[in-house]
Amino acid sequence: MKYTQATINKLEQILDEASYIVRYERGTFQSGYCILEQKKVVVLNKFLQLEGRINTMLDIIPQLRISKEELSAEARKTYEEVLERARVAAEEAGNNPTDNIENPAEQ
């Protein structure tokens, strides 16, 4: 994925269609983000540059409970690309590719 505003818009669209609220706030975030699962809120460090925001969202999205059925065709395609990217990264890191990457909503 390219580091452009269009990419971050696509990632935000996935979260929006999955009923997550994306907020950019300042604070002491360990890894640039905080997930409030019960309220479906994703909080990103507002001081991250575009590349950092995209990388952070690419880390967050595979961890969330997102049903593909609630996504539009465009968002579903982007979501599948994100999951595939996470699966490949896990394999390269020597981790079990199903750890934290499979969509928990589909299990």
N, C-alpha and C. Protein backbone atom coordinates (compact mmCIF):
# COMPACT_ATOMS: atom_id res chain seq x y z
N MET A 1 0.84 -1.19 0.00
CA MET A 1 0.00 0.00 0.00
C MET A 1 0.88 1.24 0.00
N LYS A 2 0.41 2.23 -0.70
CA LYS A 2 1.15 3.48 -0.77
C LYS A 2 0.81 4.36 0.43
N TYR A 3 1.73 5.21 0.78
CA TYR A 3 1.52 6.13 1.91
C TYR A 3 0.93 7.44 1.39
N THR A 4 -0.37 7.39 1.11
CA THR A 4 -1.07 8.56 0.60
C THR A 4 -2.33 8.82 1.42
N GLN A 5 -2.89 10.00 1.24
CA GLN A 5 -4.14 10.32 1.93
C GLN A 5 -5.26 9.39 1.47
N ALA A 6 -5.23 8.97 0.21
CA ALA A 6 -6.25 8.04 -0.29
C ALA A 6 -6.20 6.71 0.46
N THR A 7 -5.00 6.25 0.78
CA THR A 7 -4.85 4.99 1.53
C THR A 7 -5.44 5.12 2.92
N ILE A 8 -5.13 6.20 3.61
CA ILE A 8 -5.67 6.37 4.96
C ILE A 8 -7.19 6.52 4.91
N ASN A 9 -7.70 7.15 3.85
CA ASN A 9 -9.15 7.27 3.70
C ASN A 9 -9.80 5.90 3.55
N LYS A 10 -9.16 5.00 2.79
CA LYS A 10 -9.68 3.64 2.61
C LYS A 10 -9.67 2.88 3.93
N LEU A 11 -8.60 3.03 4.70
CA LEU A 11 -8.51 2.34 5.99
C LEU A 11 -9.55 2.89 6.97
N GLU A 12 -9.74 4.20 6.97
CA GLU A 12 -10.76 4.80 7.82
C GLU A 12 -12.15 4.36 7.39
N GLN A 13 -12.35 4.13 6.09
CA GLN A 13 -13.64 3.67 5.59
C GLN A 13 -13.98 2.28 6.14
N ILE A 14 -12.97 1.40 6.21
CA ILE A 14 -13.19 0.07 6.78
C ILE A 14 -13.70 0.22 8.21
N LEU A 15 -13.01 1.03 8.99
CA LEU A 15 -13.39 1.21 10.39
C LEU A 15 -14.76 1.86 10.51
N ASP A 16 -15.04 2.83 9.67
CA ASP A 16 -16.33 3.51 9.70
C ASP A 16 -17.46 2.54 9.39
N GLU A 17 -17.32 1.75 8.36
CA GLU A 17 -18.36 0.79 7.97
C GLU A 17 -18.53 -0.32 9.00
N ALA A 18 -17.48 -0.58 9.78
CA ALA A 18 -17.56 -1.58 10.86
C ALA A 18 -18.03 -0.94 12.17
N SER A 19 -18.49 0.30 12.09
CA SER A 19 -19.04 1.04 13.23
C SER A 19 -18.00 1.42 14.27
N TYR A 20 -16.75 1.54 13.86
CA TYR A 20 -15.72 2.05 14.76
C TYR A 20 -15.57 3.55 14.54
N ILE A 21 -15.31 4.25 15.60
CA ILE A 21 -15.04 5.68 15.54
C ILE A 21 -13.53 5.85 15.60
N VAL A 22 -12.99 6.64 14.68
CA VAL A 22 -11.55 6.91 14.66
C VAL A 22 -11.34 8.31 15.19
N ARG A 23 -10.52 8.40 16.23
CA ARG A 23 -10.21 9.71 16.81
C ARG A 23 -8.71 9.88 16.84
N TYR A 24 -8.29 11.11 16.59
CA TYR A 24 -6.88 11.47 16.67
C TYR A 24 -6.72 12.36 17.89
N GLU A 25 -6.02 11.86 18.89
CA GLU A 25 -5.85 12.57 20.15
C GLU A 25 -4.39 12.54 20.55
N ARG A 26 -4.04 13.43 21.45
CA ARG A 26 -2.68 13.37 21.97
C ARG A 26 -2.70 12.63 23.30
N GLY A 27 -1.58 12.07 23.61
CA GLY A 27 -1.47 11.30 24.84
C GLY A 27 -0.22 10.45 24.79
N THR A 28 -0.02 9.67 25.81
CA THR A 28 1.16 8.81 25.86
C THR A 28 0.73 7.41 25.41
N PHE A 29 0.76 7.21 24.11
CA PHE A 29 0.39 5.93 23.53
C PHE A 29 1.64 5.09 23.36
N GLN A 30 1.59 3.86 23.85
CA GLN A 30 2.74 2.98 23.78
C GLN A 30 3.12 2.71 22.32
N SER A 31 2.15 2.41 21.50
CA SER A 31 2.45 2.06 20.12
C SER A 31 1.70 2.93 19.12
N GLY A 32 1.26 4.08 19.54
CA GLY A 32 0.61 4.98 18.62
C GLY A 32 -0.89 4.87 18.57
N TYR A 33 -1.46 3.90 19.31
CA TYR A 33 -2.91 3.76 19.27
C TYR A 33 -3.44 3.15 20.56
N CYS A 34 -4.73 3.26 20.71
CA CYS A 34 -5.45 2.68 21.84
C CYS A 34 -6.79 2.21 21.29
N ILE A 35 -7.22 1.01 21.65
CA ILE A 35 -8.50 0.50 21.19
C ILE A 35 -9.43 0.37 22.39
N LEU A 36 -10.56 1.01 22.31
CA LEU A 36 -11.58 0.88 23.35
C LEU A 36 -12.64 -0.04 22.77
N GLU A 37 -12.49 -1.35 22.96
CA GLU A 37 -13.34 -2.35 22.32
C GLU A 37 -14.82 -2.17 22.65
N GLN A 38 -15.14 -1.96 23.90
CA GLN A 38 -16.54 -1.90 24.29
C GLN A 38 -17.28 -0.75 23.61
N LYS A 39 -16.56 0.31 23.28
CA LYS A 39 -17.19 1.47 22.66
C LYS A 39 -16.88 1.56 21.17
N LYS A 40 -16.12 0.59 20.65
CA LYS A 40 -15.73 0.58 19.24
C LYS A 40 -15.10 1.90 18.82
N VAL A 41 -14.10 2.31 19.60
CA VAL A 41 -13.38 3.54 19.33
C VAL A 41 -11.90 3.19 19.15
N VAL A 42 -11.30 3.71 18.10
CA VAL A 42 -9.87 3.57 17.87
C VAL A 42 -9.28 4.97 18.02
N VAL A 43 -8.32 5.11 18.93
CA VAL A 43 -7.69 6.40 19.17
C VAL A 43 -6.25 6.30 18.71
N LEU A 44 -5.89 7.18 17.77
CA LEU A 44 -4.52 7.23 17.28
C LEU A 44 -3.84 8.49 17.77
N ASN A 45 -2.54 8.40 17.94
CA ASN A 45 -1.76 9.55 18.35
C ASN A 45 -1.81 10.60 17.25
N LYS A 46 -2.30 11.78 17.57
CA LYS A 46 -2.47 12.81 16.56
C LYS A 46 -1.15 13.38 16.04
N PHE A 47 -0.06 13.09 16.72
CA PHE A 47 1.23 13.59 16.29
C PHE A 47 1.92 12.68 15.28
N LEU A 48 1.30 11.53 14.97
CA LEU A 48 1.87 10.65 13.95
C LEU A 48 1.74 11.29 12.58
N GLN A 49 2.77 11.14 11.79
CA GLN A 49 2.72 11.60 10.40
C GLN A 49 1.89 10.60 9.59
N LEU A 50 1.61 10.93 8.36
CA LEU A 50 0.76 10.10 7.50
C LEU A 50 1.24 8.65 7.44
N GLU A 51 2.53 8.44 7.23
CA GLU A 51 3.07 7.08 7.16
C GLU A 51 2.84 6.33 8.47
N GLY A 52 3.05 7.00 9.60
CA GLY A 52 2.83 6.38 10.90
C GLY A 52 1.37 6.05 11.13
N ARG A 53 0.47 6.91 10.68
CA ARG A 53 -0.97 6.65 10.82
C ARG A 53 -1.37 5.42 10.01
N ILE A 54 -0.88 5.34 8.79
CA ILE A 54 -1.20 4.19 7.94
C ILE A 54 -0.65 2.91 8.54
N ASN A 55 0.62 2.91 8.95
CA ASN A 55 1.21 1.71 9.55
C ASN A 55 0.48 1.30 10.82
N THR A 56 0.07 2.27 11.61
CA THR A 56 -0.66 1.98 12.83
C THR A 56 -2.00 1.35 12.52
N MET A 57 -2.71 1.90 11.54
CA MET A 57 -4.00 1.31 11.15
C MET A 57 -3.83 -0.09 10.59
N LEU A 58 -2.73 -0.31 9.84
CA LEU A 58 -2.46 -1.64 9.32
C LEU A 58 -2.20 -2.63 10.45
N ASP A 59 -1.69 -2.16 11.58
CA ASP A 59 -1.49 -3.01 12.75
C ASP A 59 -2.80 -3.26 13.49
N ILE A 60 -3.63 -2.24 13.55
CA ILE A 60 -4.87 -2.31 14.33
C ILE A 60 -5.95 -3.15 13.66
N ILE A 61 -6.20 -2.92 12.41
CA ILE A 61 -7.37 -3.50 11.74
C ILE A 61 -7.45 -5.02 11.85
N PRO A 62 -6.36 -5.78 11.67
CA PRO A 62 -6.48 -7.23 11.81
C PRO A 62 -6.85 -7.69 13.23
N GLN A 63 -6.66 -6.85 14.23
CA GLN A 63 -6.97 -7.21 15.61
C GLN A 63 -8.45 -7.01 15.97
N LEU A 64 -9.17 -6.27 15.14
CA LEU A 64 -10.54 -5.91 15.45
C LEU A 64 -11.54 -6.97 14.97
N ARG A 65 -12.68 -6.97 15.59
CA ARG A 65 -13.76 -7.86 15.19
C ARG A 65 -14.57 -7.16 14.11
N ILE A 66 -14.26 -7.51 12.86
CA ILE A 66 -14.92 -6.89 11.73
C ILE A 66 -15.52 -8.00 10.87
N SER A 67 -16.79 -7.87 10.59
CA SER A 67 -17.47 -8.83 9.72
C SER A 67 -17.41 -8.31 8.29
N LYS A 68 -16.94 -9.14 7.40
CA LYS A 68 -16.84 -8.73 5.99
C LYS A 68 -18.20 -8.37 5.41
N GLU A 69 -19.25 -9.01 5.92
CA GLU A 69 -20.59 -8.78 5.39
C GLU A 69 -21.08 -7.35 5.61
N GLU A 70 -20.55 -6.67 6.60
CA GLU A 70 -20.99 -5.30 6.86
C GLU A 70 -20.22 -4.26 6.05
N LEU A 71 -19.27 -4.73 5.25
CA LEU A 71 -18.44 -3.82 4.47
C LEU A 71 -18.92 -3.74 3.02
N SER A 72 -18.75 -2.57 2.43
CA SER A 72 -19.03 -2.40 1.00
C SER A 72 -17.98 -3.19 0.21
N ALA A 73 -18.22 -3.37 -1.07
CA ALA A 73 -17.28 -4.14 -1.90
C ALA A 73 -15.88 -3.52 -1.88
N GLU A 74 -15.81 -2.20 -1.97
CA GLU A 74 -14.51 -1.52 -1.97
C GLU A 74 -13.80 -1.70 -0.64
N ALA A 75 -14.52 -1.51 0.46
CA ALA A 75 -13.93 -1.65 1.79
C ALA A 75 -13.54 -3.10 2.05
N ARG A 76 -14.35 -4.05 1.56
CA ARG A 76 -14.04 -5.47 1.75
C ARG A 76 -12.74 -5.82 1.03
N LYS A 77 -12.55 -5.29 -0.17
CA LYS A 77 -11.31 -5.56 -0.92
C LYS A 77 -10.10 -5.02 -0.16
N THR A 78 -10.21 -3.80 0.35
CA THR A 78 -9.11 -3.21 1.13
C THR A 78 -8.87 -4.02 2.39
N TYR A 79 -9.94 -4.42 3.06
CA TYR A 79 -9.83 -5.21 4.30
C TYR A 79 -9.11 -6.53 4.02
N GLU A 80 -9.45 -7.20 2.93
CA GLU A 80 -8.78 -8.45 2.59
C GLU A 80 -7.30 -8.23 2.30
N GLU A 81 -6.96 -7.11 1.67
CA GLU A 81 -5.55 -6.77 1.42
C GLU A 81 -4.80 -6.57 2.74
N VAL A 82 -5.46 -5.91 3.69
CA VAL A 82 -4.85 -5.67 5.00
C VAL A 82 -4.61 -7.00 5.72
N LEU A 83 -5.61 -7.89 5.69
CA LEU A 83 -5.46 -9.20 6.34
C LEU A 83 -4.36 -10.02 5.68
N GLU A 84 -4.28 -9.97 4.36
CA GLU A 84 -3.24 -10.71 3.64
C GLU A 84 -1.85 -10.16 3.99
N ARG A 85 -1.76 -8.85 4.05
CA ARG A 85 -0.48 -8.22 4.42
C ARG A 85 -0.06 -8.65 5.83
N ALA A 86 -1.01 -8.69 6.74
CA ALA A 86 -0.71 -9.10 8.12
C ALA A 86 -0.31 -10.57 8.18
N ARG A 87 -0.97 -11.41 7.36
CA ARG A 87 -0.65 -12.83 7.34
C ARG A 87 0.77 -13.05 6.83
N VAL A 88 1.14 -12.35 5.78
CA VAL A 88 2.48 -12.47 5.21
C VAL A 88 3.53 -11.98 6.21
N ALA A 89 3.24 -10.87 6.86
CA ALA A 89 4.18 -10.33 7.86
C ALA A 89 4.37 -11.32 9.01
N ALA A 90 3.29 -11.97 9.42
CA ALA A 90 3.39 -12.95 10.52
C ALA A 90 4.21 -14.15 10.09
N GLU A 91 4.02 -14.60 8.86
CA GLU A 91 4.81 -15.73 8.36
C GLU A 91 6.28 -15.38 8.29
N GLU A 92 6.59 -14.18 7.82
CA GLU A 92 7.98 -13.76 7.71
C GLU A 92 8.62 -13.61 9.08
N ALA A 93 7.83 -13.25 10.08
CA ALA A 93 8.35 -13.10 11.43
C ALA A 93 8.47 -14.45 12.13
N GLY A 94 7.97 -15.51 11.49
CA GLY A 94 8.05 -16.84 12.07
C GLY A 94 6.95 -17.14 13.05
N ASN A 95 5.93 -16.31 13.08
CA ASN A 95 4.79 -16.54 13.96
C ASN A 95 3.79 -17.44 13.27
N ASN A 96 2.90 -17.99 14.06
CA ASN A 96 1.79 -18.75 13.50
C ASN A 96 0.91 -17.77 12.73
N PRO A 97 0.71 -17.96 11.45
CA PRO A 97 -0.04 -16.98 10.66
C PRO A 97 -1.48 -16.79 11.09
N THR A 98 -2.01 -17.68 11.90
CA THR A 98 -3.40 -17.51 12.33
C THR A 98 -3.51 -16.74 13.65
N ASP A 99 -2.41 -16.50 14.33
CA ASP A 99 -2.44 -15.75 15.58
C ASP A 99 -2.79 -14.29 15.31
N ASN A 100 -3.85 -13.80 15.92
CA ASN A 100 -4.26 -12.39 15.88
C ASN A 100 -4.55 -11.86 14.48
N ILE A 101 -4.69 -12.75 13.51
CA ILE A 101 -4.93 -12.25 12.17
C ILE A 101 -6.26 -12.75 11.64
N GLU A 102 -6.63 -13.95 11.97
CA GLU A 102 -7.91 -14.43 11.51
C GLU A 102 -9.00 -13.52 12.06
N ASN A 103 -10.03 -13.35 11.30
CA ASN A 103 -11.12 -12.49 11.71
C ASN A 103 -11.93 -13.19 12.80
N PRO A 104 -11.88 -12.71 14.05
CA PRO A 104 -12.58 -13.35 15.15
C PRO A 104 -14.08 -13.41 14.92
N ALA A 105 -14.63 -12.50 14.16
CA ALA A 105 -16.07 -12.47 13.91
C ALA A 105 -16.50 -13.64 13.04
N GLU A 106 -15.57 -14.24 12.32
CA GLU A 106 -15.91 -15.32 11.40
C GLU A 106 -15.64 -16.69 12.00
N GLN A 107 -15.09 -16.76 13.17
CA GLN A 107 -14.75 -18.06 13.77
C GLN A 107 -15.96 -18.68 14.40
